[in-house]
């Protein structure tokens, strides 16, 4: 990869880390606001956000 790319690996790594954090924040905020801690729909959204966030973070934080 060259240094002149529009989107750098560091920015993508940070973006995916933020996606994982937003997934956890979504779960706790939804559960707190609606008073339900056991909801399959909320689990589904959280797992997808955290899963893509962690996988993307790991892939883009690897050194060449």
PDB file of N, CA and C in Angstrom:
ATOM      1  N   UNK A   1       0.826  -1.176   0.000  1.00  0.00           N
ATOM      2  CA  UNK A   1       0.000   0.000   0.000  1.00  0.00           C
ATOM      3  C   UNK A   1       0.876   1.247   0.000  1.00  0.00           C
ATOM      4  N   UNK A   2       0.408   2.249  -0.666  1.00  0.00           N
ATOM      5  CA  UNK A   2       1.149   3.490  -0.716  1.00  0.00           C
ATOM      6  C   UNK A   2       0.618   4.474   0.313  1.00  0.00           C
ATOM      7  N   UNK A   3       1.418   5.485   0.627  1.00  0.00           N
ATOM      8  CA  UNK A   3       1.009   6.492   1.595  1.00  0.00           C
ATOM      9  C   UNK A   3      -0.007   7.467   1.020  1.00  0.00           C
ATOM     10  N   UNK A   4      -0.149   7.512  -0.293  1.00  0.00           N
ATOM     11  CA  UNK A   4      -1.017   8.493  -0.922  1.00  0.00           C
ATOM     12  C   UNK A   4      -2.438   7.993  -1.126  1.00  0.00           C
ATOM     13  N   UNK A   5      -2.814   6.936  -0.486  1.00  0.00           N
ATOM     14  CA  UNK A   5      -4.174   6.428  -0.635  1.00  0.00           C
ATOM     15  C   UNK A   5      -5.161   7.362   0.046  1.00  0.00           C
ATOM     16  N   UNK A   6      -6.395   7.362  -0.451  1.00  0.00           N
ATOM     17  CA  UNK A   6      -7.420   8.251   0.085  1.00  0.00           C
ATOM     18  C   UNK A   6      -7.795   7.865   1.508  1.00  0.00           C
ATOM     19  N   UNK A   7      -7.979   6.580   1.759  1.00  0.00           N
ATOM     20  CA  UNK A   7      -8.321   6.093   3.090  1.00  0.00           C
ATOM     21  C   UNK A   7      -7.167   5.220   3.577  1.00  0.00           C
ATOM     22  N   UNK A   8      -6.580   5.588   4.672  1.00  0.00           N
ATOM     23  CA  UNK A   8      -5.440   4.843   5.197  1.00  0.00           C
ATOM     24  C   UNK A   8      -5.909   3.707   6.094  1.00  0.00           C
ATOM     25  N   UNK A   9      -5.023   2.726   6.281  1.00  0.00           N
ATOM     26  CA  UNK A   9      -5.358   1.572   7.107  1.00  0.00           C
ATOM     27  C   UNK A   9      -5.655   1.963   8.541  1.00  0.00           C
ATOM     28  N   UNK A  10      -4.962   2.961   9.059  1.00  0.00           N
ATOM     29  CA  UNK A  10      -5.173   3.387  10.439  1.00  0.00           C
ATOM     30  C   UNK A  10      -6.581   3.939  10.637  1.00  0.00           C
ATOM     31  N   UNK A  11      -7.070   4.657   9.626  1.00  0.00           N
ATOM     32  CA  UNK A  11      -8.418   5.212   9.731  1.00  0.00           C
ATOM     33  C   UNK A  11      -9.479   4.118   9.665  1.00  0.00           C
ATOM     34  N   UNK A  12      -9.261   3.140   8.804  1.00  0.00           N
ATOM     35  CA  UNK A  12     -10.220   2.043   8.722  1.00  0.00           C
ATOM     36  C   UNK A  12     -10.205   1.200   9.991  1.00  0.00           C
ATOM     37  N   UNK A  13      -9.032   0.988  10.555  1.00  0.00           N
ATOM     38  CA  UNK A  13      -8.928   0.244  11.803  1.00  0.00           C
ATOM     39  C   UNK A  13      -9.688   0.955  12.917  1.00  0.00           C
ATOM     40  N   UNK A  14      -9.552   2.272  12.969  1.00  0.00           N
ATOM     41  CA  UNK A  14     -10.267   3.051  13.974  1.00  0.00           C
ATOM     42  C   UNK A  14     -11.777   3.013  13.722  1.00  0.00           C
ATOM     43  N   UNK A  15     -12.186   3.062  12.464  1.00  0.00           N
ATOM     44  CA  UNK A  15     -13.601   3.012  12.123  1.00  0.00           C
ATOM     45  C   UNK A  15     -14.230   1.688  12.552  1.00  0.00           C
ATOM     46  N   UNK A  16     -13.542   0.581  12.315  1.00  0.00           N
ATOM     47  CA  UNK A  16     -14.081  -0.715  12.714  1.00  0.00           C
ATOM     48  C   UNK A  16     -14.075  -0.891  14.233  1.00  0.00           C
ATOM     49  N   UNK A  17     -13.083  -0.341  14.905  1.00  0.00           N
ATOM     50  CA  UNK A  17     -13.091  -0.357  16.369  1.00  0.00           C
ATOM     51  C   UNK A  17     -14.265   0.423  16.921  1.00  0.00           C
ATOM     52  N   UNK A  18     -14.575   1.546  16.286  1.00  0.00           N
ATOM     53  CA  UNK A  18     -15.728   2.343  16.684  1.00  0.00           C
ATOM     54  C   UNK A  18     -17.032   1.591  16.432  1.00  0.00           C
ATOM     55  N   UNK A  19     -17.097   0.834  15.335  1.00  0.00           N
ATOM     56  CA  UNK A  19     -18.289   0.034  15.054  1.00  0.00           C
ATOM     57  C   UNK A  19     -18.522  -1.006  16.148  1.00  0.00           C
ATOM     58  N   UNK A  20     -17.463  -1.644  16.620  1.00  0.00           N
ATOM     59  CA  UNK A  20     -17.601  -2.615  17.704  1.00  0.00           C
ATOM     60  C   UNK A  20     -18.069  -1.935  18.991  1.00  0.00           C
ATOM     61  N   UNK A  21     -17.511  -0.782  19.286  1.00  0.00           N
ATOM     62  CA  UNK A  21     -17.926  -0.056  20.486  1.00  0.00           C
ATOM     63  C   UNK A  21     -19.373   0.421  20.375  1.00  0.00           C
ATOM     64  N   UNK A  22     -19.782   0.844  19.190  1.00  0.00           N
ATOM     65  CA  UNK A  22     -21.169   1.262  18.991  1.00  0.00           C
ATOM     66  C   UNK A  22     -22.133   0.085  19.147  1.00  0.00           C
ATOM     67  N   UNK A  23     -21.704  -1.102  18.757  1.00  0.00           N
ATOM     68  CA  UNK A  23     -22.544  -2.283  18.942  1.00  0.00           C
ATOM     69  C   UNK A  23     -22.812  -2.562  20.408  1.00  0.00           C
ATOM     70  N   UNK A  24     -21.790  -2.455  21.234  1.00  0.00           N
ATOM     71  CA  UNK A  24     -21.958  -2.674  22.670  1.00  0.00           C
ATOM     72  C   UNK A  24     -22.794  -1.552  23.272  1.00  0.00           C
ATOM     73  N   UNK A  25     -22.531  -0.314  22.850  1.00  0.00           N
ATOM     74  CA  UNK A  25     -23.312   0.821  23.358  1.00  0.00           C
ATOM     75  C   UNK A  25     -24.774   0.706  22.948  1.00  0.00           C
ATOM     76  N   UNK A  26     -25.041   0.212  21.733  1.00  0.00           N
ATOM     77  CA  UNK A  26     -26.414   0.018  21.274  1.00  0.00           C
ATOM     78  C   UNK A  26     -27.144  -0.983  22.157  1.00  0.00           C
ATOM     79  N   UNK A  27     -26.485  -2.089  22.490  1.00  0.00           N
ATOM     80  CA  UNK A  27     -27.121  -3.111  23.314  1.00  0.00           C
ATOM     81  C   UNK A  27     -27.502  -2.550  24.689  1.00  0.00           C
ATOM     82  N   UNK A  28     -26.549  -1.891  25.344  1.00  0.00           N
ATOM     83  CA  UNK A  28     -26.826  -1.389  26.690  1.00  0.00           C
ATOM     84  C   UNK A  28     -27.833  -0.243  26.685  1.00  0.00           C
ATOM     85  N   UNK A  29     -27.741   0.641  25.691  1.00  0.00           N
ATOM     86  CA  UNK A  29     -28.692   1.749  25.658  1.00  0.00           C
ATOM     87  C   UNK A  29     -30.106   1.268  25.336  1.00  0.00           C
ATOM     88  N   UNK A  30     -30.250   0.357  24.386  1.00  0.00           N
ATOM     89  CA  UNK A  30     -31.573  -0.180  24.051  1.00  0.00           C
ATOM     90  C   UNK A  30     -32.167  -0.923  25.253  1.00  0.00           C
ATOM     91  N   UNK A  31     -31.361  -1.746  25.876  1.00  0.00           N
ATOM     92  CA  UNK A  31     -31.849  -2.526  27.015  1.00  0.00           C
ATOM     93  C   UNK A  31     -32.220  -1.638  28.189  1.00  0.00           C
ATOM     94  N   UNK A  32     -31.456  -0.586  28.411  1.00  0.00           N
ATOM     95  CA  UNK A  32     -31.755   0.323  29.520  1.00  0.00           C
ATOM     96  C   UNK A  32     -33.023   1.128  29.249  1.00  0.00           C
ATOM     97  N   UNK A  33     -33.168   1.639  28.026  1.00  0.00           N
ATOM     98  CA  UNK A  33     -34.323   2.483  27.696  1.00  0.00           C
ATOM     99  C   UNK A  33     -35.612   1.677  27.685  1.00  0.00           C
ATOM    100  N   UNK A  34     -35.572   0.481  27.128  1.00  0.00           N
ATOM    101  CA  UNK A  34     -36.786  -0.313  26.977  1.00  0.00           C
ATOM    102  C   UNK A  34     -37.002  -1.328  28.104  1.00  0.00           C
ATOM    103  N   UNK A  35     -36.059  -1.444  28.996  1.00  0.00           N
ATOM    104  CA  UNK A  35     -36.220  -2.303  30.160  1.00  0.00           C
ATOM    105  C   UNK A  35     -36.227  -3.783  29.843  1.00  0.00           C
ATOM    106  N   UNK A  36     -35.684  -4.181  28.714  1.00  0.00           N
ATOM    107  CA  UNK A  36     -35.616  -5.591  28.370  1.00  0.00           C
ATOM    108  C   UNK A  36     -34.166  -5.964  28.076  1.00  0.00           C
ATOM    109  N   UNK A  37     -33.644  -6.942  28.808  1.00  0.00           N
ATOM    110  CA  UNK A  37     -32.260  -7.352  28.632  1.00  0.00           C
ATOM    111  C   UNK A  37     -32.150  -8.628  27.812  1.00  0.00           C
ATOM    112  N   UNK A  38     -33.292  -9.259  27.499  1.00  0.00           N
ATOM    113  CA  UNK A  38     -33.278 -10.518  26.754  1.00  0.00           C
ATOM    114  C   UNK A  38     -34.153 -10.366  25.523  1.00  0.00           C
ATOM    115  N   UNK A  39     -33.564  -9.850  24.434  1.00  0.00           N
ATOM    116  CA  UNK A  39     -34.303  -9.629  23.205  1.00  0.00           C
ATOM    117  C   UNK A  39     -33.458 -10.151  22.045  1.00  0.00           C
ATOM    118  N   UNK A  40     -34.007 -11.095  21.294  1.00  0.00           N
ATOM    119  CA  UNK A  40     -33.265 -11.730  20.215  1.00  0.00           C
ATOM    120  C   UNK A  40     -32.913 -10.727  19.118  1.00  0.00           C
ATOM    121  N   UNK A  41     -33.785  -9.783  18.833  1.00  0.00           N
ATOM    122  CA  UNK A  41     -33.506  -8.787  17.809  1.00  0.00           C
ATOM    123  C   UNK A  41     -32.332  -7.894  18.170  1.00  0.00           C
ATOM    124  N   UNK A  42     -32.272  -7.498  19.423  1.00  0.00           N
ATOM    125  CA  UNK A  42     -31.168  -6.663  19.884  1.00  0.00           C
ATOM    126  C   UNK A  42     -29.873  -7.464  19.872  1.00  0.00           C
ATOM    127  N   UNK A  43     -29.934  -8.725  20.263  1.00  0.00           N
ATOM    128  CA  UNK A  43     -28.753  -9.583  20.179  1.00  0.00           C
ATOM    129  C   UNK A  43     -28.250  -9.677  18.746  1.00  0.00           C
ATOM    130  N   UNK A  44     -29.158  -9.818  17.798  1.00  0.00           N
ATOM    131  CA  UNK A  44     -28.776  -9.975  16.401  1.00  0.00           C
ATOM    132  C   UNK A  44     -28.045  -8.741  15.886  1.00  0.00           C
ATOM    133  N   UNK A  45     -28.593  -7.578  16.152  1.00  0.00           N
ATOM    134  CA  UNK A  45     -27.951  -6.338  15.703  1.00  0.00           C
ATOM    135  C   UNK A  45     -26.599  -6.158  16.384  1.00  0.00           C
ATOM    136  N   UNK A  46     -26.536  -6.460  17.669  1.00  0.00           N
ATOM    137  CA  UNK A  46     -25.293  -6.300  18.421  1.00  0.00           C
ATOM    138  C   UNK A  46     -24.212  -7.241  17.913  1.00  0.00           C
ATOM    139  N   UNK A  47     -24.567  -8.501  17.679  1.00  0.00           N
ATOM    140  CA  UNK A  47     -23.574  -9.474  17.219  1.00  0.00           C
ATOM    141  C   UNK A  47     -23.035  -9.099  15.844  1.00  0.00           C
ATOM    142  N   UNK A  48     -23.896  -8.625  14.968  1.00  0.00           N
ATOM    143  CA  UNK A  48     -23.437  -8.224  13.636  1.00  0.00           C
ATOM    144  C   UNK A  48     -22.497  -7.021  13.732  1.00  0.00           C
ATOM    145  N   UNK A  49     -22.880  -6.014  14.502  1.00  0.00           N
ATOM    146  CA  UNK A  49     -22.035  -4.823  14.625  1.00  0.00           C
ATOM    147  C   UNK A  49     -20.693  -5.138  15.291  1.00  0.00           C
ATOM    148  N   UNK A  50     -20.730  -5.869  16.387  1.00  0.00           N
ATOM    149  CA  UNK A  50     -19.495  -6.199  17.092  1.00  0.00           C
ATOM    150  C   UNK A  50     -18.647  -7.165  16.264  1.00  0.00           C
ATOM    151  N   UNK A  51     -19.286  -8.120  15.609  1.00  0.00           N
ATOM    152  CA  UNK A  51     -18.544  -9.079  14.782  1.00  0.00           C
ATOM    153  C   UNK A  51     -17.812  -8.411  13.639  1.00  0.00           C
ATOM    154  N   UNK A  52     -18.522  -7.601  12.859  1.00  0.00           N
ATOM    155  CA  UNK A  52     -17.864  -6.891  11.768  1.00  0.00           C
ATOM    156  C   UNK A  52     -16.821  -5.913  12.298  1.00  0.00           C
ATOM    157  N   UNK A  53     -17.106  -5.287  13.418  1.00  0.00           N
ATOM    158  CA  UNK A  53     -16.148  -4.360  13.996  1.00  0.00           C
ATOM    159  C   UNK A  53     -14.856  -5.036  14.413  1.00  0.00           C
ATOM    160  N   UNK A  54     -14.957  -6.164  15.092  1.00  0.00           N
ATOM    161  CA  UNK A  54     -13.753  -6.866  15.543  1.00  0.00           C
ATOM    162  C   UNK A  54     -12.969  -7.466  14.382  1.00  0.00           C
ATOM    163  N   UNK A  55     -13.672  -8.061  13.438  1.00  0.00           N
ATOM    164  CA  UNK A  55     -12.982  -8.661  12.287  1.00  0.00           C
ATOM    165  C   UNK A  55     -12.308  -7.581  11.449  1.00  0.00           C
ATOM    166  N   UNK A  56     -13.019  -6.482  11.187  1.00  0.00           N
ATOM    167  CA  UNK A  56     -12.410  -5.394  10.430  1.00  0.00           C
ATOM    168  C   UNK A  56     -11.238  -4.771  11.162  1.00  0.00           C
ATOM    169  N   UNK A  57     -11.369  -4.598  12.472  1.00  0.00           N
ATOM    170  CA  UNK A  57     -10.270  -4.042  13.257  1.00  0.00           C
ATOM    171  C   UNK A  57      -9.047  -4.947  13.196  1.00  0.00           C
ATOM    172  N   UNK A  58      -9.252  -6.246  13.331  1.00  0.00           N
ATOM    173  CA  UNK A  58      -8.114  -7.167  13.285  1.00  0.00           C
ATOM    174  C   UNK A  58      -7.473  -7.210  11.908  1.00  0.00           C
ATOM    175  N   UNK A  59      -8.294  -7.188  10.853  1.00  0.00           N
ATOM    176  CA  UNK A  59      -7.729  -7.233   9.503  1.00  0.00           C
ATOM    177  C   UNK A  59      -6.942  -5.976   9.156  1.00  0.00           C
ATOM    178  N   UNK A  60      -7.447  -4.821   9.531  1.00  0.00           N
ATOM    179  CA  UNK A  60      -6.772  -3.578   9.175  1.00  0.00           C
ATOM    180  C   UNK A  60      -5.680  -3.176  10.141  1.00  0.00           C
ATOM    181  N   UNK A  61      -5.561  -3.832  11.266  1.00  0.00           N
ATOM    182  CA  UNK A  61      -4.482  -3.501  12.182  1.00  0.00           C
ATOM    183  C   UNK A  61      -3.271  -4.435  11.985  1.00  0.00           C
ATOM    184  N   UNK A  62      -3.384  -5.389  11.070  1.00  0.00           N
ATOM    185  CA  UNK A  62      -2.236  -6.247  10.757  1.00  0.00           C
ATOM    186  C   UNK A  62      -1.177  -5.451  10.025  1.00  0.00           C
ATOM    187  N   UNK A  63       0.065  -5.749  10.297  1.00  0.00           N
ATOM    188  CA  UNK A  63       1.170  -5.103   9.599  1.00  0.00           C
ATOM    189  C   UNK A  63       1.428  -5.855   8.286  1.00  0.00           C
ATOM    190  N   UNK A  64       1.887  -5.116   7.292  1.00  0.00           N
ATOM    191  CA  UNK A  64       2.187  -5.733   5.989  1.00  0.00           C
ATOM    192  C   UNK A  64       3.427  -6.582   6.059  1.00  0.00           C
TER     193      UNK A  64
END
